Amino acid sequence: MRHKRKIRWFADASFRHIDWSGMTPSSVILLRELHVEELTLRGCTLALDGFRILSGTYRIDLSGSMVSDLLPLIECRGLMELDLSEVRIKPTVLDKYLMAIVERYGNRRNCRMTLPVSPTGTYREPDRDETTGRYRIISGMEAIWVILHEESWNEGGAWEFIIDNKTYTVE
């Protein structure tokens, strides 16, 4: 098919695994909450806006895709594995996503993330605001440091970030 494809989902259903890779959609439009445990969309160029209303999703594989925004995944608090290997993405997009995880941590599970490029910045403890004592995170690598060094976020299991075959996890 020569035209861009959009996946529109109307059904009230629950799935263990969905693989939409072969359809190569340009976007996924969910009109109601979709319960899917594992979602695969490899080698696609797509917008993830529809992912905001995924439910029960613990694994997403976007390997080899082209993604311009990861913020729709921020509400996937049950996500335990995010595979972004070979994804074409800007480091600043990763930064926004990682910093949003820290800002909106809430009741989130630990996650293993395979990242295609290194976020910006240096892996170090960020400076703290003098009045509030909160971290002032200015880069994605600082966000990773905070996620890995916050004890309560790693009690149920350790977060893990794999970047350029180097693993960052709880020390």
Protein backbone atom coordinates (compact mmCIF):
# COMPACT_ATOMS: atom_id res chain seq x y z
CA MET A 1 0.00 0.00 0.00
CA ARG A 2 1.51 3.35 -0.98
CA HIS A 3 -0.42 5.54 1.42
CA LYS A 4 0.38 6.03 5.09
CA ARG A 5 -1.56 3.72 7.37
CA LYS A 6 -3.24 4.65 10.58
CA ILE A 7 -4.40 2.05 13.03
CA ARG A 8 -7.71 3.00 14.65
CA TRP A 9 -8.82 0.82 17.51
CA PHE A 10 -12.51 0.65 18.48
CA ALA A 11 -12.81 -2.71 20.26
CA ASP A 12 -13.18 -3.35 23.94
CA ALA A 13 -10.64 -6.16 24.26
CA SER A 14 -7.66 -7.44 26.21
CA PHE A 15 -4.52 -8.96 24.68
CA ARG A 16 -1.39 -10.64 25.89
CA HIS A 17 0.67 -9.63 22.83
CA ILE A 18 0.08 -7.47 19.75
CA ASP A 19 2.58 -7.05 16.92
CA TRP A 20 1.63 -4.31 14.46
CA SER A 21 5.10 -4.16 12.84
CA GLY A 22 4.08 -5.62 9.49
CA MET A 23 1.41 -2.97 9.06
CA THR A 24 4.05 -0.17 9.27
CA PRO A 25 1.59 2.40 10.61
CA SER A 26 2.33 6.12 10.69
CA SER A 27 0.18 6.50 13.81
CA VAL A 28 -1.86 4.48 16.26
CA ILE A 29 -5.17 6.03 17.29
CA LEU A 30 -6.84 4.39 20.27
CA LEU A 31 -10.40 5.51 20.83
CA ARG A 32 -10.71 3.72 24.13
CA GLU A 33 -8.34 2.16 26.61
CA LEU A 34 -6.51 -0.87 25.20
CA HIS A 35 -5.29 -3.55 27.59
CA VAL A 36 -2.22 -5.19 26.05
CA GLU A 37 0.64 -6.70 28.03
CA GLU A 38 3.26 -6.71 25.25
CA LEU A 39 3.22 -4.37 22.25
CA THR A 40 5.62 -4.62 19.31
CA LEU A 41 6.03 -2.02 16.55
CA ARG A 42 9.41 -2.55 14.90
CA GLY A 43 10.81 -0.61 11.97
CA CYS A 44 8.03 1.99 11.79
CA THR A 45 7.92 5.76 11.57
CA LEU A 46 5.10 6.73 13.84
CA ALA A 47 3.57 9.06 16.39
CA LEU A 48 2.95 7.48 19.80
CA ASP A 49 0.09 9.76 20.89
CA GLY A 50 -2.37 6.85 21.03
CA PHE A 51 -0.17 5.08 23.57
CA ARG A 52 -1.39 7.43 26.31
CA ILE A 53 -4.37 5.15 26.99
CA LEU A 54 -2.61 1.79 26.99
CA SER A 55 -3.41 -0.28 30.04
CA GLY A 56 -1.57 -3.17 31.68
CA THR A 57 1.40 -2.80 29.32
CA TYR A 58 4.65 -4.09 30.75
CA ARG A 59 6.72 -4.47 27.55
CA ILE A 60 7.03 -2.24 24.48
CA ASP A 61 9.39 -3.01 21.60
CA LEU A 62 9.94 -0.13 19.16
CA SER A 63 13.33 -1.33 17.90
CA GLY A 64 14.37 0.03 14.52
CA SER A 65 11.58 2.61 14.46
CA MET A 66 11.72 6.38 14.06
CA VAL A 67 10.15 8.23 16.98
CA SER A 68 9.89 11.97 17.56
CA ASP A 69 8.28 11.99 21.02
CA LEU A 70 8.31 9.53 23.93
CA LEU A 71 6.16 11.57 26.33
CA PRO A 72 2.98 9.59 25.47
CA LEU A 73 4.66 6.63 27.23
CA ILE A 74 4.95 8.52 30.51
CA GLU A 75 1.59 7.19 31.73
CA CYS A 76 2.66 3.56 31.16
CA ARG A 77 3.59 3.18 34.83
CA GLY A 78 3.59 -0.63 34.67
CA LEU A 79 6.23 -0.69 31.94
CA MET A 80 9.02 -3.11 32.86
CA GLU A 81 10.85 -3.23 29.53
CA LEU A 82 11.22 -0.60 26.82
CA ASP A 83 13.30 -1.64 23.82
CA LEU A 84 14.42 1.36 21.78
CA SER A 85 17.43 -0.37 20.21
CA GLU A 86 18.31 1.05 16.80
CA VAL A 87 15.51 3.64 17.12
CA ARG A 88 16.21 6.87 15.30
CA ILE A 89 15.66 9.47 17.98
CA LYS A 90 17.27 12.69 19.16
CA PRO A 91 19.05 12.66 22.53
CA THR A 92 16.93 15.67 23.58
CA VAL A 93 13.77 13.56 23.10
CA LEU A 94 15.24 10.96 25.46
CA ASP A 95 16.10 13.76 27.90
CA LYS A 96 12.50 15.02 28.01
CA TYR A 97 11.17 11.52 28.59
CA LEU A 98 13.68 10.65 31.34
CA MET A 99 13.18 13.96 33.14
CA ALA A 100 9.39 13.49 32.92
CA ILE A 101 9.75 10.07 34.57
CA VAL A 102 11.51 11.72 37.52
CA GLU A 103 8.95 14.55 37.70
CA ARG A 104 5.91 12.23 37.51
CA TYR A 105 7.33 9.15 39.13
CA GLY A 106 4.29 8.20 41.21
CA ASN A 107 3.60 4.49 41.61
CA ARG A 108 5.83 3.18 38.83
CA ARG A 109 7.48 -0.20 38.34
CA ASN A 110 11.19 -0.60 37.74
CA CYS A 111 12.05 -0.76 34.04
CA ARG A 112 14.80 -2.05 31.79
CA MET A 113 15.42 0.42 28.95
CA THR A 114 17.59 -0.23 25.94
CA LEU A 115 18.49 3.16 24.49
CA PRO A 116 19.98 3.68 21.01
CA VAL A 117 21.97 6.81 21.90
CA SER A 118 23.18 8.39 25.07
CA PRO A 119 21.02 11.14 26.51
CA THR A 120 22.74 14.50 26.92
CA GLY A 121 24.83 15.44 29.93
CA THR A 122 27.03 13.58 32.36
CA TYR A 123 26.06 10.68 34.61
CA ARG A 124 26.34 12.45 37.96
CA GLU A 125 24.29 13.68 40.89
CA PRO A 126 22.49 16.87 39.84
CA ASP A 127 22.62 20.06 41.86
CA ARG A 128 19.84 20.72 44.38
CA ASP A 129 17.63 23.76 44.67
CA GLU A 130 18.74 25.62 47.81
CA THR A 131 15.23 26.53 48.96
CA THR A 132 13.32 23.29 48.25
CA GLY A 133 16.15 20.74 48.34
CA ARG A 134 14.81 19.13 45.17
CA TYR A 135 17.13 18.10 42.36
CA ARG A 136 17.55 20.51 39.43
CA ILE A 137 17.91 18.03 36.61
CA ILE A 138 19.24 19.56 33.40
CA SER A 139 20.04 16.45 31.34
CA GLY A 140 18.90 12.92 30.64
CA MET A 141 21.99 11.36 32.20
CA GLU A 142 21.32 13.25 35.45
CA ALA A 143 17.74 11.91 35.37
CA ILE A 144 19.13 8.38 35.03
CA TRP A 145 21.40 9.02 38.04
CA VAL A 146 18.40 10.14 40.14
CA ILE A 147 16.29 7.14 39.09
CA LEU A 148 19.08 4.71 39.98
CA HIS A 149 19.98 6.37 43.29
CA GLU A 150 16.48 6.83 44.71
CA GLU A 151 16.25 3.82 47.04
CA SER A 152 12.46 3.63 47.17
CA TRP A 153 12.29 3.49 43.35
CA ASN A 154 14.53 0.41 43.31
CA GLU A 155 13.09 -1.58 46.23
CA GLY A 156 10.89 -3.92 44.16
CA GLY A 157 13.59 -4.41 41.54
CA ALA A 158 16.44 -2.47 40.05
CA TRP A 159 16.07 -0.04 37.16
CA GLU A 160 18.43 -0.77 34.29
CA PHE A 161 19.55 1.42 31.38
CA ILE A 162 21.53 -0.12 28.53
CA ILE A 163 23.27 2.54 26.43
CA ASP A 164 25.88 1.63 23.82
CA ASN A 165 26.34 -1.81 25.40
CA LYS A 166 27.06 -0.21 28.78
CA THR A 167 24.65 -1.03 31.60
CA TYR A 168 23.69 1.53 34.23
CA THR A 169 21.92 0.03 37.24
CA VAL A 170 21.71 0.29 41.02
CA GLU A 171 25.19 0.28 42.50
